[in-house]
Amino acid sequence: MENQTTATLEKYARFQTEGKELTATIRMTKFDTELKSDVLMLDFDGVLAYVPREEFDLRTITTSFVPYVGRKIRVLVKEVREDGLVICSRKMVQENKRAELVQHMVNGDSVTARITKFVKFGAYVSANGVSFLLQNEHFADDYTSISEVKAIGDEIEIKLLRVSQNGNLFAEATEKHKSETVVNLELFERDQVVIGTIRNIKPFGVFVCIAPNLDALCPVPEEAEIETGMKVQFRITKVDNDEGKVRGEILRVLAEQQEEEIL
């Protein structure tokens, strides 16, 4: 039995050297006092294997591990201990996938990503398990919010925009969304109040998108704290039909719940 165990551990040590990915079912979760960490317990051919919390994901995961019990997990062997315990890492698998995908995209390749979460300035999308931030301004020419025309689970073809200093990945749509709406300035007149989205903030003023392909310029509000992507109430103070320009002022920032249906 000892020879069998030794041979098995040597096999997993070889897997570690070769970088072989392994798939197993998560049997249970518990807090390990020796590792001082929550762990997921795997069973490889009778060999006990743990995935510590810090090796579970590229992101810092603080939620319970209970929902993962019974699910499949793909890992790499990180360490084979003398006491027979095998330490595995899902995080290392993600790092390898991320590096491979980024390299392809740096070379100009585009990938199909799926929308996983909306945020006020865009959406998080995932391609091959790798997360990217797609901002509204890099999704549409007219700064249409992604959430206005897409749903969670929808697919978007993306290419790599940049990698931030802390390693976050930013994407842009391969083909930017174009609204079919044609703006007629005759629809707008002084003192109208419309809903708008803050597109850009400059020292000299704020650009607010009040209709597809139409940005209105206004002063930076003195009292309200504003950010790109915020919805605002916007009052029109001037419409210049000859130059195709609209001027106005921000009345107030709209809270997210104020966009819900009035019952």
C-alpha atoms as a PDB file:
ATOM      1  CA  MET A   1       0.000   0.000   0.000  1.00  0.00           C
ATOM      2  CA  GLU A   2       2.895   2.336   0.881  1.00  0.00           C
ATOM      3  CA  ASN A   3       4.539   1.654  -2.514  1.00  0.00           C
ATOM      4  CA  GLN A   4       1.208   2.315  -4.234  1.00  0.00           C
ATOM      5  CA  THR A   5       0.804   5.596  -2.385  1.00  0.00           C
ATOM      6  CA  THR A   6       4.378   6.627  -3.159  1.00  0.00           C
ATOM      7  CA  ALA A   7       3.916   5.794  -6.844  1.00  0.00           C
ATOM      8  CA  THR A   8       0.674   7.746  -6.948  1.00  0.00           C
ATOM      9  CA  LEU A   9       2.237  10.807  -5.336  1.00  0.00           C
ATOM     10  CA  GLU A  10       5.141  10.600  -7.752  1.00  0.00           C
ATOM     11  CA  LYS A  11       2.609  10.654 -10.578  1.00  0.00           C
ATOM     12  CA  TYR A  12       1.089  13.858  -9.264  1.00  0.00           C
ATOM     13  CA  ALA A  13       4.524  15.369  -8.795  1.00  0.00           C
ATOM     14  CA  ARG A  14       5.090  14.606 -12.477  1.00  0.00           C
ATOM     15  CA  PHE A  15       1.770  16.256 -13.335  1.00  0.00           C
ATOM     16  CA  GLN A  16       3.018  19.329 -11.465  1.00  0.00           C
ATOM     17  CA  THR A  17       6.243  19.422 -13.497  1.00  0.00           C
ATOM     18  CA  GLU A  18       4.420  18.877 -16.794  1.00  0.00           C
ATOM     19  CA  GLY A  19       1.693  21.448 -16.025  1.00  0.00           C
ATOM     20  CA  LYS A  20      -1.031  18.884 -16.693  1.00  0.00           C
ATOM     21  CA  GLU A  21      -4.584  20.114 -16.105  1.00  0.00           C
ATOM     22  CA  LEU A  22      -6.777  17.811 -14.020  1.00  0.00           C
ATOM     23  CA  THR A  23     -10.553  17.680 -13.613  1.00  0.00           C
ATOM     24  CA  ALA A  24     -12.273  16.472 -10.475  1.00  0.00           C
ATOM     25  CA  THR A  25     -15.536  16.739  -8.552  1.00  0.00           C
ATOM     26  CA  ILE A  26     -15.548  18.911  -5.431  1.00  0.00           C
ATOM     27  CA  ARG A  27     -16.399  16.517  -2.575  1.00  0.00           C
ATOM     28  CA  MET A  28     -16.687  18.932   0.331  1.00  0.00           C
ATOM     29  CA  THR A  29     -15.574  22.260   1.783  1.00  0.00           C
ATOM     30  CA  LYS A  30     -14.172  22.999   5.211  1.00  0.00           C
ATOM     31  CA  PHE A  31     -11.809  25.284   7.111  1.00  0.00           C
ATOM     32  CA  ASP A  32      -8.346  23.747   7.401  1.00  0.00           C
ATOM     33  CA  THR A  33      -6.627  24.803  10.620  1.00  0.00           C
ATOM     34  CA  GLU A  34      -3.151  23.938   9.366  1.00  0.00           C
ATOM     35  CA  LEU A  35      -3.501  25.952   6.146  1.00  0.00           C
ATOM     36  CA  LYS A  36      -5.585  28.584   7.988  1.00  0.00           C
ATOM     37  CA  SER A  37      -7.877  28.779   4.974  1.00  0.00           C
ATOM     38  CA  ASP A  38     -11.199  27.556   3.640  1.00  0.00           C
ATOM     39  CA  VAL A  39     -10.527  24.718   1.218  1.00  0.00           C
ATOM     40  CA  LEU A  40     -12.310  22.684  -1.412  1.00  0.00           C
ATOM     41  CA  MET A  41     -11.571  18.979  -1.068  1.00  0.00           C
ATOM     42  CA  LEU A  42     -10.997  16.864  -4.172  1.00  0.00           C
ATOM     43  CA  ASP A  43     -10.419  13.120  -4.474  1.00  0.00           C
ATOM     44  CA  PHE A  44      -7.873  11.926  -7.066  1.00  0.00           C
ATOM     45  CA  ASP A  45      -7.497   8.128  -7.103  1.00  0.00           C
ATOM     46  CA  GLY A  46      -7.720   8.051  -3.322  1.00  0.00           C
ATOM     47  CA  VAL A  47      -5.223  10.902  -2.978  1.00  0.00           C
ATOM     48  CA  LEU A  48      -6.461  13.813  -0.899  1.00  0.00           C
ATOM     49  CA  ALA A  49      -6.243  17.160  -2.694  1.00  0.00           C
ATOM     50  CA  TYR A  50      -7.116  20.643  -1.458  1.00  0.00           C
ATOM     51  CA  VAL A  51      -7.820  23.900  -3.275  1.00  0.00           C
ATOM     52  CA  PRO A  52      -7.235  26.714  -0.739  1.00  0.00           C
ATOM     53  CA  ARG A  53      -9.366  29.856  -1.062  1.00  0.00           C
ATOM     54  CA  GLU A  54      -6.408  31.908  -2.314  1.00  0.00           C
ATOM     55  CA  GLU A  55      -5.900  29.415  -5.158  1.00  0.00           C
ATOM     56  CA  PHE A  56      -9.533  29.286  -6.244  1.00  0.00           C
ATOM     57  CA  ASP A  57      -9.833  32.361  -8.466  1.00  0.00           C
ATOM     58  CA  LEU A  58      -7.917  35.284  -9.952  1.00  0.00           C
ATOM     59  CA  ARG A  59     -10.312  37.550  -8.098  1.00  0.00           C
ATOM     60  CA  THR A  60     -10.577  37.725  -4.330  1.00  0.00           C
ATOM     61  CA  ILE A  61     -13.541  35.488  -3.485  1.00  0.00           C
ATOM     62  CA  THR A  62     -14.983  35.973  -0.002  1.00  0.00           C
ATOM     63  CA  THR A  63     -18.342  34.218  -0.396  1.00  0.00           C
ATOM     64  CA  SER A  64     -19.158  30.723   0.871  1.00  0.00           C
ATOM     65  CA  PHE A  65     -17.702  27.715  -0.935  1.00  0.00           C
ATOM     66  CA  VAL A  66     -20.831  25.643  -0.229  1.00  0.00           C
ATOM     67  CA  PRO A  67     -22.505  26.268  -3.644  1.00  0.00           C
ATOM     68  CA  TYR A  68     -19.470  24.738  -5.387  1.00  0.00           C
ATOM     69  CA  VAL A  69     -19.739  21.349  -3.669  1.00  0.00           C
ATOM     70  CA  GLY A  70     -20.658  18.677  -6.210  1.00  0.00           C
ATOM     71  CA  ARG A  71     -19.448  20.701  -9.197  1.00  0.00           C
ATOM     72  CA  LYS A  72     -16.547  19.885 -11.494  1.00  0.00           C
ATOM     73  CA  ILE A  73     -13.346  21.911 -11.230  1.00  0.00           C
ATOM     74  CA  ARG A  74     -10.265  22.113 -13.468  1.00  0.00           C
ATOM     75  CA  VAL A  75      -6.970  22.568 -11.615  1.00  0.00           C
ATOM     76  CA  LEU A  76      -3.196  22.369 -11.793  1.00  0.00           C
ATOM     77  CA  VAL A  77      -1.047  20.688  -9.156  1.00  0.00           C
ATOM     78  CA  LYS A  78       0.801  23.383  -7.215  1.00  0.00           C
ATOM     79  CA  GLU A  79       2.479  21.306  -4.521  1.00  0.00           C
ATOM     80  CA  VAL A  80       2.830  17.674  -3.471  1.00  0.00           C
ATOM     81  CA  ARG A  81       3.572  17.601   0.239  1.00  0.00           C
ATOM     82  CA  GLU A  82       5.572  14.977   2.075  1.00  0.00           C
ATOM     83  CA  ASP A  83       2.540  14.070   4.179  1.00  0.00           C
ATOM     84  CA  GLY A  84       0.693  13.026   0.996  1.00  0.00           C
ATOM     85  CA  LEU A  85      -1.528  16.103   0.654  1.00  0.00           C
ATOM     86  CA  VAL A  86      -1.760  17.550  -2.867  1.00  0.00           C
ATOM     87  CA  ILE A  87      -2.335  21.305  -3.119  1.00  0.00           C
ATOM     88  CA  CYS A  88      -4.134  22.294  -6.332  1.00  0.00           C
ATOM     89  CA  SER A  89      -4.912  25.609  -7.969  1.00  0.00           C
ATOM     90  CA  ARG A  90      -7.761  26.719 -10.213  1.00  0.00           C
ATOM     91  CA  LYS A  91      -6.187  30.195 -10.209  1.00  0.00           C
ATOM     92  CA  MET A  92      -3.136  28.892 -12.099  1.00  0.00           C
ATOM     93  CA  VAL A  93      -5.402  27.448 -14.799  1.00  0.00           C
ATOM     94  CA  GLN A  94      -7.094  30.836 -15.159  1.00  0.00           C
ATOM     95  CA  GLU A  95      -3.723  32.614 -15.343  1.00  0.00           C
ATOM     96  CA  ASN A  96      -2.613  30.342 -18.181  1.00  0.00           C
ATOM     97  CA  LYS A  97      -5.885  30.817 -20.089  1.00  0.00           C
ATOM     98  CA  ARG A  98      -5.689  34.561 -19.596  1.00  0.00           C
ATOM     99  CA  ALA A  99      -2.093  34.805 -20.818  1.00  0.00           C
ATOM    100  CA  GLU A 100      -2.840  32.682 -23.888  1.00  0.00           C
ATOM    101  CA  LEU A 101      -5.991  34.625 -24.768  1.00  0.00           C
ATOM    102  CA  VAL A 102      -4.343  38.030 -24.280  1.00  0.00           C
ATOM    103  CA  GLN A 103      -1.444  37.017 -26.489  1.00  0.00           C
ATOM    104  CA  HIS A 104      -3.833  36.060 -29.299  1.00  0.00           C
ATOM    105  CA  MET A 105      -5.683  39.347 -28.909  1.00  0.00           C
ATOM    106  CA  VAL A 106      -2.465  41.378 -28.821  1.00  0.00           C
ATOM    107  CA  ASN A 107      -1.764  39.834 -32.210  1.00  0.00           C
ATOM    108  CA  GLY A 108      -5.051  41.314 -33.453  1.00  0.00           C
ATOM    109  CA  ASP A 109      -7.465  38.409 -32.983  1.00  0.00           C
ATOM    110  CA  SER A 110     -11.033  39.116 -31.891  1.00  0.00           C
ATOM    111  CA  VAL A 111     -13.062  36.802 -29.665  1.00  0.00           C
ATOM    112  CA  THR A 112     -16.710  36.214 -28.849  1.00  0.00           C
ATOM    113  CA  ALA A 113     -17.549  37.303 -25.305  1.00  0.00           C
ATOM    114  CA  ARG A 114     -20.691  36.895 -23.239  1.00  0.00           C
ATOM    115  CA  ILE A 115     -22.148  39.688 -21.087  1.00  0.00           C
ATOM    116  CA  THR A 116     -21.996  38.712 -17.404  1.00  0.00           C
ATOM    117  CA  LYS A 117     -22.789  41.930 -15.506  1.00  0.00           C
ATOM    118  CA  PHE A 118     -23.923  45.486 -16.208  1.00  0.00           C
ATOM    119  CA  VAL A 119     -22.352  48.507 -14.524  1.00  0.00           C
ATOM    120  CA  LYS A 120     -23.295  52.159 -14.969  1.00  0.00           C
ATOM    121  CA  PHE A 121     -20.378  52.831 -17.333  1.00  0.00           C
ATOM    122  CA  GLY A 122     -20.618  49.621 -19.364  1.00  0.00           C
ATOM    123  CA  ALA A 123     -20.546  45.875 -18.789  1.00  0.00           C
ATOM    124  CA  TYR A 124     -18.285  43.019 -17.793  1.00  0.00           C
ATOM    125  CA  VAL A 125     -17.944  40.372 -20.484  1.00  0.00           C
ATOM    126  CA  SER A 126     -16.307  36.971 -20.358  1.00  0.00           C
ATOM    127  CA  ALA A 127     -14.449  35.086 -23.081  1.00  0.00           C
ATOM    128  CA  ASN A 128     -13.074  31.606 -22.364  1.00  0.00           C
ATOM    129  CA  GLY A 129     -13.399  32.275 -18.650  1.00  0.00           C
ATOM    130  CA  VAL A 130     -11.442  35.551 -18.861  1.00  0.00           C
ATOM    131  CA  SER A 131     -13.174  38.767 -17.767  1.00  0.00           C
ATOM    132  CA  PHE A 132     -12.997  42.091 -19.655  1.00  0.00           C
ATOM    133  CA  LEU A 133     -14.512  45.500 -19.007  1.00  0.00           C
ATOM    134  CA  LEU A 134     -16.355  46.915 -22.017  1.00  0.00           C
ATOM    135  CA  GLN A 135     -17.224  50.571 -21.496  1.00  0.00           C
ATOM    136  CA  ASN A 136     -20.190  52.196 -23.203  1.00  0.00           C
ATOM    137  CA  GLU A 137     -17.941  54.580 -25.146  1.00  0.00           C
ATOM    138  CA  HIS A 138     -16.119  51.602 -26.673  1.00  0.00           C
ATOM    139  CA  PHE A 139     -19.357  49.793 -27.498  1.00  0.00           C
ATOM    140  CA  ALA A 140     -21.294  52.436 -29.472  1.00  0.00           C
ATOM    141  CA  ASP A 141     -20.479  55.477 -31.579  1.00  0.00           C
ATOM    142  CA  ASP A 142     -23.337  57.439 -30.015  1.00  0.00           C
ATOM    143  CA  TYR A 143     -22.628  56.338 -26.421  1.00  0.00           C
ATOM    144  CA  THR A 144     -25.681  54.126 -26.221  1.00  0.00           C
ATOM    145  CA  SER A 145     -25.517  52.210 -22.933  1.00  0.00           C
ATOM    146  CA  ILE A 146     -24.886  48.511 -23.446  1.00  0.00           C
ATOM    147  CA  SER A 147     -27.768  47.705 -21.081  1.00  0.00           C
ATOM    148  CA  GLU A 148     -30.174  49.615 -23.332  1.00  0.00           C
ATOM    149  CA  VAL A 149     -29.730  47.243 -26.267  1.00  0.00           C
ATOM    150  CA  LYS A 150     -28.265  44.050 -24.789  1.00  0.00           C
ATOM    151  CA  ALA A 151     -29.159  41.533 -22.075  1.00  0.00           C
ATOM    152  CA  ILE A 152     -27.151  39.389 -19.680  1.00  0.00           C
ATOM    153  CA  GLY A 153     -25.925  36.370 -21.642  1.00  0.00           C
ATOM    154  CA  ASP A 154     -25.853  38.143 -25.020  1.00  0.00           C
ATOM    155  CA  GLU A 155     -22.707  37.727 -27.079  1.00  0.00           C
ATOM    156  CA  ILE A 156     -20.468  40.520 -28.388  1.00  0.00           C
ATOM    157  CA  GLU A 157     -17.430  40.255 -30.635  1.00  0.00           C
ATOM    158  CA  ILE A 158     -14.580  42.105 -28.908  1.00  0.00           C
ATOM    159  CA  LYS A 159     -10.918  42.951 -29.355  1.00  0.00           C
ATOM    160  CA  LEU A 160      -8.345  43.961 -26.769  1.00  0.00           C
ATOM    161  CA  LEU A 161      -8.209  47.701 -26.042  1.00  0.00           C
ATOM    162  CA  ARG A 162      -5.599  47.802 -23.293  1.00  0.00           C
ATOM    163  CA  VAL A 163      -4.231  46.133 -20.177  1.00  0.00           C
ATOM    164  CA  SER A 164      -4.134  48.386 -17.118  1.00  0.00           C
ATOM    165  CA  GLN A 165      -1.142  48.609 -14.787  1.00  0.00           C
ATOM    166  CA  ASN A 166      -2.864  46.344 -12.266  1.00  0.00           C
ATOM    167  CA  GLY A 167      -3.652  43.763 -14.953  1.00  0.00           C
ATOM    168  CA  ASN A 168      -7.319  44.532 -15.649  1.00  0.00           C
ATOM    169  CA  LEU A 169      -8.380  43.897 -19.249  1.00  0.00           C
ATOM    170  CA  PHE A 170     -10.326  46.487 -21.243  1.00  0.00           C
ATOM    171  CA  ALA A 171     -12.085  45.609 -24.496  1.00  0.00           C
ATOM    172  CA  GLU A 172     -13.789  47.382 -27.376  1.00  0.00           C
ATOM    173  CA  ALA A 173     -16.464  46.092 -29.696  1.00  0.00           C
ATOM    174  CA  THR A 174     -15.128  44.840 -33.021  1.00  0.00           C
ATOM    175  CA  GLU A 175     -18.025  46.628 -34.725  1.00  0.00           C
ATOM    176  CA  LYS A 176     -19.454  49.525 -32.742  1.00  0.00           C
ATOM    177  CA  HIS A 177     -23.209  49.726 -32.261  1.00  0.00           C
ATOM    178  CA  LYS A 178     -24.918  52.279 -34.488  1.00  0.00           C
ATOM    179  CA  SER A 179     -28.385  53.607 -33.755  1.00  0.00           C
ATOM    180  CA  GLU A 180     -30.777  53.741 -36.678  1.00  0.00           C
ATOM    181  CA  THR A 181     -32.537  56.740 -35.166  1.00  0.00           C
ATOM    182  CA  VAL A 182     -32.130  59.973 -37.109  1.00  0.00           C
ATOM    183  CA  VAL A 183     -32.000  63.056 -34.902  1.00  0.00           C
ATOM    184  CA  ASN A 184     -34.206  65.975 -35.920  1.00  0.00           C
ATOM    185  CA  LEU A 185     -33.200  69.131 -34.053  1.00  0.00           C
ATOM    186  CA  GLU A 186     -36.679  70.503 -34.644  1.00  0.00           C
ATOM    187  CA  LEU A 187     -37.851  68.122 -31.916  1.00  0.00           C
ATOM    188  CA  PHE A 188     -35.877  70.120 -29.356  1.00  0.00           C
ATOM    189  CA  GLU A 189     -36.541  73.616 -28.092  1.00  0.00           C
ATOM    190  CA  ARG A 190     -35.533  75.865 -25.235  1.00  0.00           C
ATOM    191  CA  ASP A 191     -36.672  74.957 -21.683  1.00  0.00           C
ATOM    192  CA  GLN A 192     -37.442  71.345 -22.564  1.00  0.00           C
ATOM    193  CA  VAL A 193     -36.311  68.850 -19.909  1.00  0.00           C
ATOM    194  CA  VAL A 194     -34.985  65.547 -21.238  1.00  0.00           C
ATOM    195  CA  ILE A 195     -33.130  62.532 -19.915  1.00  0.00           C
ATOM    196  CA  GLY A 196     -29.483  62.298 -20.885  1.00  0.00           C
ATOM    197  CA  THR A 197     -26.334  60.297 -20.258  1.00  0.00           C
ATOM    198  CA  ILE A 198     -23.047  61.959 -19.330  1.00  0.00           C
ATOM    199  CA  ARG A 199     -20.643  61.085 -22.093  1.00  0.00           C
ATOM    200  CA  ASN A 200     -17.549  63.110 -21.270  1.00  0.00           C
ATOM    201  CA  ILE A 201     -16.393  65.551 -18.617  1.00  0.00           C
ATOM    202  CA  LYS A 202     -13.929  68.275 -19.562  1.00  0.00           C
ATOM    203  CA  PRO A 203     -12.657  71.325 -17.636  1.00  0.00           C
ATOM    204  CA  PHE A 204     -14.701  73.583 -19.922  1.00  0.00           C
ATOM    205  CA  GLY A 205     -17.944  71.616 -19.731  1.00  0.00           C
ATOM    206  CA  VAL A 206     -19.859  68.350 -19.792  1.00  0.00           C
ATOM    207  CA  PHE A 207     -21.050  66.501 -22.885  1.00  0.00           C
ATOM    208  CA  VAL A 208     -24.453  64.916 -22.317  1.00  0.00           C
ATOM    209  CA  CYS A 209     -25.950  62.518 -24.868  1.00  0.00           C
ATOM    210  CA  ILE A 210     -29.636  63.484 -25.133  1.00  0.00           C
ATOM    211  CA  ALA A 211     -30.439  61.477 -28.281  1.00  0.00           C
ATOM    212  CA  PRO A 212     -28.620  59.027 -30.573  1.00  0.00           C
ATOM    213  CA  ASN A 213     -25.675  60.826 -32.191  1.00  0.00           C
ATOM    214  CA  LEU A 214     -26.513  64.093 -30.401  1.00  0.00           C
ATOM    215  CA  ASP A 215     -24.398  65.435 -27.539  1.00  0.00           C
ATOM    216  CA  ALA A 216     -25.358  68.649 -25.757  1.00  0.00           C
ATOM    217  CA  LEU A 217     -22.769  70.776 -23.975  1.00  0.00           C
ATOM    218  CA  CYS A 218     -23.372  72.234 -20.538  1.00  0.00           C
ATOM    219  CA  PRO A 219     -21.371  73.736 -17.652  1.00  0.00           C
ATOM    220  CA  VAL A 220     -19.922  71.462 -14.990  1.00  0.00           C
ATOM    221  CA  PRO A 221     -22.478  71.547 -12.133  1.00  0.00           C
ATOM    222  CA  GLU A 222     -21.141  73.117  -8.957  1.00  0.00           C
ATOM    223  CA  GLU A 223     -23.122  71.068  -6.446  1.00  0.00           C
ATOM    224  CA  ALA A 224     -23.807  67.639  -7.972  1.00  0.00           C
ATOM    225  CA  GLU A 225     -21.010  65.049  -8.144  1.00  0.00           C
ATOM    226  CA  ILE A 226     -21.055  63.557 -11.619  1.00  0.00           C
ATOM    227  CA  GLU A 227     -19.339  60.677 -13.387  1.00  0.00           C
ATOM    228  CA  THR A 228     -19.250  59.396 -16.944  1.00  0.00           C
ATOM    229  CA  GLY A 229     -22.221  57.125 -17.642  1.00  0.00           C
ATOM    230  CA  MET A 230     -24.605  58.743 -15.163  1.00  0.00           C
ATOM    231  CA  LYS A 231     -28.216  59.419 -16.171  1.00  0.00           C
ATOM    232  CA  VAL A 232     -29.284  63.023 -15.626  1.00  0.00           C
ATOM    233  CA  GLN A 233     -32.217  65.383 -16.081  1.00  0.00           C
ATOM    234  CA  PHE A 234     -31.087  67.952 -18.640  1.00  0.00           C
ATOM    235  CA  ARG A 235     -32.732  71.302 -19.409  1.00  0.00           C
ATOM    236  CA  ILE A 236     -32.165  72.722 -22.892  1.00  0.00           C
ATOM    237  CA  THR A 237     -31.200  76.404 -22.928  1.00  0.00           C
ATOM    238  CA  LYS A 238     -30.287  76.839 -26.599  1.00  0.00           C
ATOM    239  CA  VAL A 239     -30.814  75.025 -29.913  1.00  0.00           C
ATOM    240  CA  ASP A 240     -28.646  76.109 -32.851  1.00  0.00           C
ATOM    241  CA  ASN A 241     -30.187  74.503 -35.950  1.00  0.00           C
ATOM    242  CA  ASP A 242     -27.593  76.020 -38.306  1.00  0.00           C
ATOM    243  CA  GLU A 243     -24.629  74.478 -36.469  1.00  0.00           C
ATOM    244  CA  GLY A 244     -26.524  71.438 -35.196  1.00  0.00           C
ATOM    245  CA  LYS A 245     -25.634  72.171 -31.577  1.00  0.00           C
ATOM    246  CA  VAL A 246     -27.590  72.089 -28.336  1.00  0.00           C
ATOM    247  CA  ARG A 247     -26.659  73.770 -25.035  1.00  0.00           C
ATOM    248  CA  GLY A 248     -28.184  73.301 -21.625  1.00  0.00           C
ATOM    249  CA  GLU A 249     -27.696  72.538 -17.957  1.00  0.00           C
ATOM    250  CA  ILE A 250     -27.861  69.510 -15.687  1.00  0.00           C
ATOM    251  CA  LEU A 251     -30.775  69.782 -13.279  1.00  0.00           C
ATOM    252  CA  ARG A 252     -30.051  66.665 -11.232  1.00  0.00           C
ATOM    253  CA  VAL A 253     -28.567  63.211 -11.318  1.00  0.00           C
ATOM    254  CA  LEU A 254     -31.080  60.373 -11.653  1.00  0.00           C
ATOM    255  CA  ALA A 255     -30.745  57.516  -9.195  1.00  0.00           C
ATOM    256  CA  GLU A 256     -30.884  54.077 -10.807  1.00  0.00           C
ATOM    257  CA  GLN A 257     -34.232  53.217  -9.213  1.00  0.00           C
ATOM    258  CA  GLN A 258     -35.783  56.329 -10.740  1.00  0.00           C
ATOM    259  CA  GLU A 259     -35.518  54.721 -14.145  1.00  0.00           C
ATOM    260  CA  GLU A 260     -37.916  51.975 -13.109  1.00  0.00           C
ATOM    261  CA  GLU A 261     -41.524  51.881 -14.228  1.00  0.00           C
ATOM    262  CA  ILE A 262     -43.943  54.230 -12.478  1.00  0.00           C
ATOM    263  CA  LEU A 263     -46.645  52.025 -10.926  1.00  0.00           C
END
